[in-house]
């Protein structure tokens, strides 16, 4: 069908277009009432004994410390390797998550190679309420610190030789994420465009389906000879 025919079909089936537009607007209103989410990305650093985050060689790039941090993260994830994304800097809520937790290591690899370059455990928490995010954040940070101490206790590591573990203070902040005006308008425009495309497809299919019986009936009618047009049987005339 041509664009003109599709537009004519949409005009004839205006109720289909109206229904789909109403559904798109309803979905848009539900998205507006979403209210946004709260998010935090907390970083726990693993360093050489007696080192600090300001030390020149604090060991955050040491392979053994990276492996230890990875073991702690994996244990928090119930034995599963930490999930990774193609872009490490992407926020967890960017994947469509509205309530969840992601415990991982900073990842700078790609689909061909795995590269964990820093001995840090990143704790990302996304939730509907600030209170839930704050409580979950505190519980996970405490769990990381406790597991790191327990694993060193099991190895009987002397106190002066234990790995230094610290939480980066600035990463404890909790942010509220809401859609901006431009993003909201773009979302509404995308919903309306999608509704019109679907309405055009439905109307065109409906028109095509309803045209088939009419064309079939017309072919059958053309193939028949009207009763009045049929020749009358010849009468037999006897002398």
C-alpha atoms as a PDB file:
ATOM      1  CA  UNK A   1       0.000   0.000   0.000  1.00  0.00           C
ATOM      2  CA  UNK A   2       1.102   3.546  -0.671  1.00  0.00           C
ATOM      3  CA  UNK A   3       1.339   6.240   1.981  1.00  0.00           C
ATOM      4  CA  UNK A   4      -1.845   7.832   0.641  1.00  0.00           C
ATOM      5  CA  UNK A   5      -3.717   4.543   0.931  1.00  0.00           C
ATOM      6  CA  UNK A   6      -2.457   4.048   4.483  1.00  0.00           C
ATOM      7  CA  UNK A   7      -3.627   7.541   5.452  1.00  0.00           C
ATOM      8  CA  UNK A   8      -7.038   6.848   3.933  1.00  0.00           C
ATOM      9  CA  UNK A   9      -7.212   3.582   5.860  1.00  0.00           C
ATOM     10  CA  UNK A  10      -6.302   5.389   9.084  1.00  0.00           C
ATOM     11  CA  UNK A  11      -9.031   7.956   8.409  1.00  0.00           C
ATOM     12  CA  UNK A  12     -11.588   5.203   7.873  1.00  0.00           C
ATOM     13  CA  UNK A  13     -10.445   3.317  10.956  1.00  0.00           C
ATOM     14  CA  UNK A  14     -10.111   6.454  13.072  1.00  0.00           C
ATOM     15  CA  UNK A  15     -11.221   4.594  16.199  1.00  0.00           C
ATOM     16  CA  UNK A  16      -8.134   2.358  15.971  1.00  0.00           C
ATOM     17  CA  UNK A  17      -5.871   5.400  15.825  1.00  0.00           C
ATOM     18  CA  UNK A  18      -7.708   7.023  18.722  1.00  0.00           C
ATOM     19  CA  UNK A  19      -7.483   3.897  20.886  1.00  0.00           C
ATOM     20  CA  UNK A  20      -3.743   3.466  20.332  1.00  0.00           C
ATOM     21  CA  UNK A  21      -3.057   7.154  20.983  1.00  0.00           C
ATOM     22  CA  UNK A  22      -5.027   6.910  24.225  1.00  0.00           C
ATOM     23  CA  UNK A  23      -2.945   3.891  25.278  1.00  0.00           C
ATOM     24  CA  UNK A  24       0.279   5.764  24.477  1.00  0.00           C
ATOM     25  CA  UNK A  25      -0.812   8.790  26.513  1.00  0.00           C
ATOM     26  CA  UNK A  26      -1.840   6.551  29.414  1.00  0.00           C
ATOM     27  CA  UNK A  27       1.559   4.877  29.374  1.00  0.00           C
ATOM     28  CA  UNK A  28       3.204   8.300  29.288  1.00  0.00           C
ATOM     29  CA  UNK A  29       1.221   9.417  32.331  1.00  0.00           C
ATOM     30  CA  UNK A  30       2.278   6.288  34.203  1.00  0.00           C
ATOM     31  CA  UNK A  31       5.907   7.056  33.390  1.00  0.00           C
ATOM     32  CA  UNK A  32       5.470  10.611  34.689  1.00  0.00           C
ATOM     33  CA  UNK A  33       4.111   9.258  37.977  1.00  0.00           C
ATOM     34  CA  UNK A  34       7.168   7.025  38.333  1.00  0.00           C
ATOM     35  CA  UNK A  35       8.832   9.685  40.481  1.00  0.00           C
ATOM     36  CA  UNK A  36      12.399   8.710  39.655  1.00  0.00           C
ATOM     37  CA  UNK A  37      14.793   6.535  41.649  1.00  0.00           C
ATOM     38  CA  UNK A  38      17.587   6.897  44.197  1.00  0.00           C
ATOM     39  CA  UNK A  39      21.039   5.635  43.313  1.00  0.00           C
ATOM     40  CA  UNK A  40      24.468   5.306  44.857  1.00  0.00           C
ATOM     41  CA  UNK A  41      27.806   3.933  43.680  1.00  0.00           C
ATOM     42  CA  UNK A  42      30.009   3.200  46.677  1.00  0.00           C
ATOM     43  CA  UNK A  43      33.668   2.241  46.293  1.00  0.00           C
ATOM     44  CA  UNK A  44      35.634   0.126  48.798  1.00  0.00           C
ATOM     45  CA  UNK A  45      39.412   0.177  48.200  1.00  0.00           C
ATOM     46  CA  UNK A  46      41.901  -2.591  49.064  1.00  0.00           C
ATOM     47  CA  UNK A  47      45.466  -1.380  49.740  1.00  0.00           C
ATOM     48  CA  UNK A  48      48.826  -2.541  51.026  1.00  0.00           C
ATOM     49  CA  UNK A  49      49.262  -2.692  54.823  1.00  0.00           C
ATOM     50  CA  UNK A  50      49.730   0.711  56.498  1.00  0.00           C
ATOM     51  CA  UNK A  51      48.896   2.478  53.202  1.00  0.00           C
ATOM     52  CA  UNK A  52      46.278   5.131  52.561  1.00  0.00           C
ATOM     53  CA  UNK A  53      44.392   6.259  49.483  1.00  0.00           C
ATOM     54  CA  UNK A  54      46.835   9.187  49.188  1.00  0.00           C
ATOM     55  CA  UNK A  55      49.948   7.007  49.213  1.00  0.00           C
ATOM     56  CA  UNK A  56      51.936   6.958  45.981  1.00  0.00           C
ATOM     57  CA  UNK A  57      52.136   3.147  45.857  1.00  0.00           C
ATOM     58  CA  UNK A  58      49.183   1.948  47.864  1.00  0.00           C
ATOM     59  CA  UNK A  59      48.796  -1.310  45.926  1.00  0.00           C
ATOM     60  CA  UNK A  60      45.381  -0.756  44.374  1.00  0.00           C
ATOM     61  CA  UNK A  61      46.797  -1.969  41.054  1.00  0.00           C
ATOM     62  CA  UNK A  62      48.527  -5.009  42.534  1.00  0.00           C
ATOM     63  CA  UNK A  63      47.281  -8.271  41.023  1.00  0.00           C
ATOM     64  CA  UNK A  64      47.114 -10.115  44.341  1.00  0.00           C
ATOM     65  CA  UNK A  65      44.982  -7.373  45.899  1.00  0.00           C
ATOM     66  CA  UNK A  66      42.739  -7.305  42.813  1.00  0.00           C
ATOM     67  CA  UNK A  67      42.260 -11.066  43.134  1.00  0.00           C
ATOM     68  CA  UNK A  68      41.431 -10.721  46.841  1.00  0.00           C
ATOM     69  CA  UNK A  69      38.894  -7.976  46.129  1.00  0.00           C
ATOM     70  CA  UNK A  70      37.374 -10.138  43.388  1.00  0.00           C
ATOM     71  CA  UNK A  71      37.030 -13.070  45.782  1.00  0.00           C
ATOM     72  CA  UNK A  72      35.188 -10.871  48.292  1.00  0.00           C
ATOM     73  CA  UNK A  73      32.846  -9.541  45.600  1.00  0.00           C
ATOM     74  CA  UNK A  74      32.163 -13.041  44.308  1.00  0.00           C
ATOM     75  CA  UNK A  75      31.277 -14.259  47.781  1.00  0.00           C
ATOM     76  CA  UNK A  76      28.808 -11.405  48.217  1.00  0.00           C
ATOM     77  CA  UNK A  77      27.278 -12.447  44.876  1.00  0.00           C
ATOM     78  CA  UNK A  78      26.709 -15.971  46.265  1.00  0.00           C
ATOM     79  CA  UNK A  79      29.626 -17.462  44.370  1.00  0.00           C
ATOM     80  CA  UNK A  80      28.760 -15.934  40.995  1.00  0.00           C
ATOM     81  CA  UNK A  81      31.286 -13.782  39.148  1.00  0.00           C
ATOM     82  CA  UNK A  82      30.560 -10.069  39.252  1.00  0.00           C
ATOM     83  CA  UNK A  83      28.397  -8.904  36.349  1.00  0.00           C
ATOM     84  CA  UNK A  84      30.051  -6.666  33.772  1.00  0.00           C
ATOM     85  CA  UNK A  85      28.721  -4.283  31.124  1.00  0.00           C
ATOM     86  CA  UNK A  86      30.300  -3.089  27.887  1.00  0.00           C
ATOM     87  CA  UNK A  87      30.677   0.387  29.405  1.00  0.00           C
ATOM     88  CA  UNK A  88      31.866   0.322  33.011  1.00  0.00           C
ATOM     89  CA  UNK A  89      30.997   3.966  33.606  1.00  0.00           C
ATOM     90  CA  UNK A  90      27.330   3.354  32.750  1.00  0.00           C
ATOM     91  CA  UNK A  91      25.076   3.648  35.828  1.00  0.00           C
ATOM     92  CA  UNK A  92      23.123   0.636  37.022  1.00  0.00           C
ATOM     93  CA  UNK A  93      19.774   2.415  36.622  1.00  0.00           C
ATOM     94  CA  UNK A  94      20.683   2.993  32.975  1.00  0.00           C
ATOM     95  CA  UNK A  95      19.950  -0.697  32.360  1.00  0.00           C
ATOM     96  CA  UNK A  96      16.306  -0.105  33.330  1.00  0.00           C
ATOM     97  CA  UNK A  97      16.711  -1.286  36.923  1.00  0.00           C
ATOM     98  CA  UNK A  98      14.399   0.433  39.402  1.00  0.00           C
ATOM     99  CA  UNK A  99      15.308  -1.589  42.472  1.00  0.00           C
ATOM    100  CA  UNK A 100      18.377  -3.757  42.727  1.00  0.00           C
ATOM    101  CA  UNK A 101      22.002  -4.224  43.738  1.00  0.00           C
ATOM    102  CA  UNK A 102      25.178  -4.722  41.693  1.00  0.00           C
ATOM    103  CA  UNK A 103      28.453  -5.661  43.397  1.00  0.00           C
ATOM    104  CA  UNK A 104      31.412  -5.712  40.997  1.00  0.00           C
ATOM    105  CA  UNK A 105      34.988  -4.661  40.292  1.00  0.00           C
ATOM    106  CA  UNK A 106      35.929  -1.763  37.994  1.00  0.00           C
ATOM    107  CA  UNK A 107      36.099  -3.325  34.536  1.00  0.00           C
ATOM    108  CA  UNK A 108      38.168  -2.016  31.639  1.00  0.00           C
ATOM    109  CA  UNK A 109      38.118  -5.070  29.370  1.00  0.00           C
ATOM    110  CA  UNK A 110      36.052  -5.911  26.322  1.00  0.00           C
ATOM    111  CA  UNK A 111      34.347  -8.911  24.711  1.00  0.00           C
ATOM    112  CA  UNK A 112      37.710 -10.496  23.859  1.00  0.00           C
ATOM    113  CA  UNK A 113      39.662  -9.852  27.054  1.00  0.00           C
ATOM    114  CA  UNK A 114      38.884  -9.515  30.753  1.00  0.00           C
ATOM    115  CA  UNK A 115      40.708  -6.774  32.624  1.00  0.00           C
ATOM    116  CA  UNK A 116      40.101  -5.838  36.254  1.00  0.00           C
ATOM    117  CA  UNK A 117      42.724  -3.180  36.816  1.00  0.00           C
ATOM    118  CA  UNK A 118      41.925  -1.788  40.277  1.00  0.00           C
ATOM    119  CA  UNK A 119      41.532  -3.492  43.659  1.00  0.00           C
ATOM    120  CA  UNK A 120      38.181  -1.932  44.421  1.00  0.00           C
ATOM    121  CA  UNK A 121      34.719  -3.291  45.068  1.00  0.00           C
ATOM    122  CA  UNK A 122      31.935  -1.152  43.629  1.00  0.00           C
ATOM    123  CA  UNK A 123      28.536  -1.358  45.256  1.00  0.00           C
ATOM    124  CA  UNK A 124      25.709   0.062  43.164  1.00  0.00           C
ATOM    125  CA  UNK A 125      22.283   0.312  44.762  1.00  0.00           C
ATOM    126  CA  UNK A 126      19.117   1.540  43.030  1.00  0.00           C
ATOM    127  CA  UNK A 127      15.782   1.861  44.809  1.00  0.00           C
ATOM    128  CA  UNK A 128      12.489   3.679  44.993  1.00  0.00           C
ATOM    129  CA  UNK A 129      13.129   5.212  48.407  1.00  0.00           C
ATOM    130  CA  UNK A 130      16.165   6.910  49.892  1.00  0.00           C
ATOM    131  CA  UNK A 131      15.775   4.961  53.128  1.00  0.00           C
ATOM    132  CA  UNK A 132      15.950   1.580  51.387  1.00  0.00           C
ATOM    133  CA  UNK A 133      19.015   2.589  49.370  1.00  0.00           C
ATOM    134  CA  UNK A 134      20.757   3.926  52.470  1.00  0.00           C
ATOM    135  CA  UNK A 135      20.075   0.795  54.520  1.00  0.00           C
ATOM    136  CA  UNK A 136      21.121  -1.542  51.698  1.00  0.00           C
ATOM    137  CA  UNK A 137      24.282   0.465  51.111  1.00  0.00           C
ATOM    138  CA  UNK A 138      25.267   0.308  54.798  1.00  0.00           C
ATOM    139  CA  UNK A 139      24.572  -3.450  54.980  1.00  0.00           C
ATOM    140  CA  UNK A 140      26.663  -4.243  51.888  1.00  0.00           C
ATOM    141  CA  UNK A 141      29.590  -2.052  52.938  1.00  0.00           C
ATOM    142  CA  UNK A 142      29.614  -3.714  56.356  1.00  0.00           C
ATOM    143  CA  UNK A 143      29.492  -7.137  54.676  1.00  0.00           C
ATOM    144  CA  UNK A 144      32.505  -6.320  52.458  1.00  0.00           C
ATOM    145  CA  UNK A 145      34.532  -5.181  55.473  1.00  0.00           C
ATOM    146  CA  UNK A 146      33.495  -8.198  57.545  1.00  0.00           C
ATOM    147  CA  UNK A 147      34.292 -10.748  54.814  1.00  0.00           C
ATOM    148  CA  UNK A 148      37.694  -9.194  54.165  1.00  0.00           C
ATOM    149  CA  UNK A 149      38.561  -9.430  57.862  1.00  0.00           C
ATOM    150  CA  UNK A 150      37.249 -13.000  58.167  1.00  0.00           C
ATOM    151  CA  UNK A 151      39.305 -14.232  55.206  1.00  0.00           C
ATOM    152  CA  UNK A 152      42.459 -12.725  56.729  1.00  0.00           C
ATOM    153  CA  UNK A 153      41.585 -14.250  60.103  1.00  0.00           C
ATOM    154  CA  UNK A 154      41.354 -17.664  58.466  1.00  0.00           C
ATOM    155  CA  UNK A 155      44.869 -17.199  57.078  1.00  0.00           C
ATOM    156  CA  UNK A 156      46.140 -15.954  60.456  1.00  0.00           C
ATOM    157  CA  UNK A 157      47.548 -12.798  58.901  1.00  0.00           C
ATOM    158  CA  UNK A 158      49.349 -10.649  61.521  1.00  0.00           C
ATOM    159  CA  UNK A 159      47.706  -7.383  62.374  1.00  0.00           C
ATOM    160  CA  UNK A 160      50.534  -5.245  61.011  1.00  0.00           C
ATOM    161  CA  UNK A 161      50.472  -7.123  57.689  1.00  0.00           C
ATOM    162  CA  UNK A 162      46.753  -7.012  57.002  1.00  0.00           C
ATOM    163  CA  UNK A 163      45.272  -5.469  53.879  1.00  0.00           C
ATOM    164  CA  UNK A 164      44.017  -1.964  54.472  1.00  0.00           C
ATOM    165  CA  UNK A 165      40.371  -1.550  53.499  1.00  0.00           C
ATOM    166  CA  UNK A 166      38.681   1.817  53.320  1.00  0.00           C
ATOM    167  CA  UNK A 167      35.498   3.291  51.898  1.00  0.00           C
ATOM    168  CA  UNK A 168      35.989   6.273  49.577  1.00  0.00           C
ATOM    169  CA  UNK A 169      33.997   8.965  51.451  1.00  0.00           C
ATOM    170  CA  UNK A 170      32.716  10.876  48.429  1.00  0.00           C
ATOM    171  CA  UNK A 171      31.139   7.722  47.000  1.00  0.00           C
ATOM    172  CA  UNK A 172      28.715   7.385  49.910  1.00  0.00           C
ATOM    173  CA  UNK A 173      26.472  10.080  48.442  1.00  0.00           C
ATOM    174  CA  UNK A 174      22.948   9.101  47.352  1.00  0.00           C
ATOM    175  CA  UNK A 175      21.477  10.828  44.313  1.00  0.00           C
ATOM    176  CA  UNK A 176      17.893  11.174  43.149  1.00  0.00           C
ATOM    177  CA  UNK A 177      17.509  10.438  39.446  1.00  0.00           C
ATOM    178  CA  UNK A 178      14.544  11.970  37.613  1.00  0.00           C
ATOM    179  CA  UNK A 179      13.840  12.578  33.948  1.00  0.00           C
ATOM    180  CA  UNK A 180      14.413  16.118  32.666  1.00  0.00           C
ATOM    181  CA  UNK A 181      11.930  18.143  30.632  1.00  0.00           C
ATOM    182  CA  UNK A 182      13.654  17.399  27.343  1.00  0.00           C
ATOM    183  CA  UNK A 183      13.790  13.692  28.112  1.00  0.00           C
ATOM    184  CA  UNK A 184      10.095  13.666  29.072  1.00  0.00           C
ATOM    185  CA  UNK A 185       9.058  15.411  25.848  1.00  0.00           C
ATOM    186  CA  UNK A 186      11.228  13.053  23.812  1.00  0.00           C
ATOM    187  CA  UNK A 187       9.635  10.046  25.514  1.00  0.00           C
ATOM    188  CA  UNK A 188       6.117  11.333  24.798  1.00  0.00           C
ATOM    189  CA  UNK A 189       7.041  12.021  21.165  1.00  0.00           C
ATOM    190  CA  UNK A 190       8.443   8.501  20.803  1.00  0.00           C
ATOM    191  CA  UNK A 191       5.274   6.976  22.302  1.00  0.00           C
ATOM    192  CA  UNK A 192       3.008   8.974  19.975  1.00  0.00           C
ATOM    193  CA  UNK A 193       5.123   8.075  16.947  1.00  0.00           C
ATOM    194  CA  UNK A 194       5.049   4.390  17.887  1.00  0.00           C
ATOM    195  CA  UNK A 195       1.265   4.534  18.387  1.00  0.00           C
ATOM    196  CA  UNK A 196       0.765   6.123  14.942  1.00  0.00           C
ATOM    197  CA  UNK A 197       2.984   3.542  13.252  1.00  0.00           C
ATOM    198  CA  UNK A 198       1.119   0.664  14.863  1.00  0.00           C
ATOM    199  CA  UNK A 199      -2.232   2.304  14.055  1.00  0.00           C
ATOM    200  CA  UNK A 200      -1.229   2.675  10.404  1.00  0.00           C
ATOM    201  CA  UNK A 201      -0.194  -0.972  10.213  1.00  0.00           C
ATOM    202  CA  UNK A 202      -3.409  -2.199  11.896  1.00  0.00           C
ATOM    203  CA  UNK A 203      -5.636   0.009   9.729  1.00  0.00           C
ATOM    204  CA  UNK A 204      -3.883  -1.099   6.527  1.00  0.00           C
ATOM    205  CA  UNK A 205      -4.186  -4.777   7.448  1.00  0.00           C
ATOM    206  CA  UNK A 206      -7.823  -4.299   8.374  1.00  0.00           C
ATOM    207  CA  UNK A 207      -8.589  -2.605   5.065  1.00  0.00           C
ATOM    208  CA  UNK A 208      -6.798  -5.329   3.126  1.00  0.00           C
ATOM    209  CA  UNK A 209      -8.649  -8.065   5.005  1.00  0.00           C
ATOM    210  CA  UNK A 210     -12.055  -6.423   4.483  1.00  0.00           C
ATOM    211  CA  UNK A 211     -11.347  -5.855   0.775  1.00  0.00           C
ATOM    212  CA  UNK A 212     -10.816  -9.579   0.101  1.00  0.00           C
ATOM    213  CA  UNK A 213     -14.467 -10.686   0.611  1.00  0.00           C
ATOM    214  CA  UNK A 214     -15.698  -7.819  -1.582  1.00  0.00           C
ATOM    215  CA  UNK A 215     -13.346  -8.709  -4.439  1.00  0.00           C
ATOM    216  CA  UNK A 216     -14.229 -12.406  -4.175  1.00  0.00           C
ATOM    217  CA  UNK A 217     -17.936 -11.616  -4.257  1.00  0.00           C
ATOM    218  CA  UNK A 218     -17.437  -9.390  -7.308  1.00  0.00           C
ATOM    219  CA  UNK A 219     -15.611 -12.172  -9.172  1.00  0.00           C
ATOM    220  CA  UNK A 220     -18.366 -14.647  -8.388  1.00  0.00           C
ATOM    221  CA  UNK A 221     -21.033 -12.183  -9.541  1.00  0.00           C
ATOM    222  CA  UNK A 222     -19.244 -11.527 -12.828  1.00  0.00           C
ATOM    223  CA  UNK A 223     -18.997 -15.273 -13.500  1.00  0.00           C
ATOM    224  CA  UNK A 224     -22.733 -15.893 -13.151  1.00  0.00           C
ATOM    225  CA  UNK A 225     -25.341 -15.318 -15.872  1.00  0.00           C
ATOM    226  CA  UNK A 226     -28.438 -13.552 -14.559  1.00  0.00           C
ATOM    227  CA  UNK A 227     -31.570 -15.669 -14.641  1.00  0.00           C
ATOM    228  CA  UNK A 228     -33.373 -13.232 -16.922  1.00  0.00           C
ATOM    229  CA  UNK A 229     -30.499 -13.265 -19.389  1.00  0.00           C
ATOM    230  CA  UNK A 230     -30.464 -17.016 -19.759  1.00  0.00           C
ATOM    231  CA  UNK A 231     -32.032 -18.318 -23.027  1.00  0.00           C
ATOM    232  CA  UNK A 232     -35.354 -20.051 -22.623  1.00  0.00           C
ATOM    233  CA  UNK A 233     -35.493 -23.698 -23.617  1.00  0.00           C
ATOM    234  CA  UNK A 234     -36.885 -24.212 -27.136  1.00  0.00           C
ATOM    235  CA  UNK A 235     -40.436 -25.508 -27.260  1.00  0.00           C
ATOM    236  CA  UNK A 236     -41.116 -28.542 -29.308  1.00  0.00           C
ATOM    237  CA  UNK A 237     -43.643 -27.814 -32.054  1.00  0.00           C
ATOM    238  CA  UNK A 238     -45.557 -30.761 -33.377  1.00  0.00           C
ATOM    239  CA  UNK A 239     -47.358 -30.633 -36.733  1.00  0.00           C
END
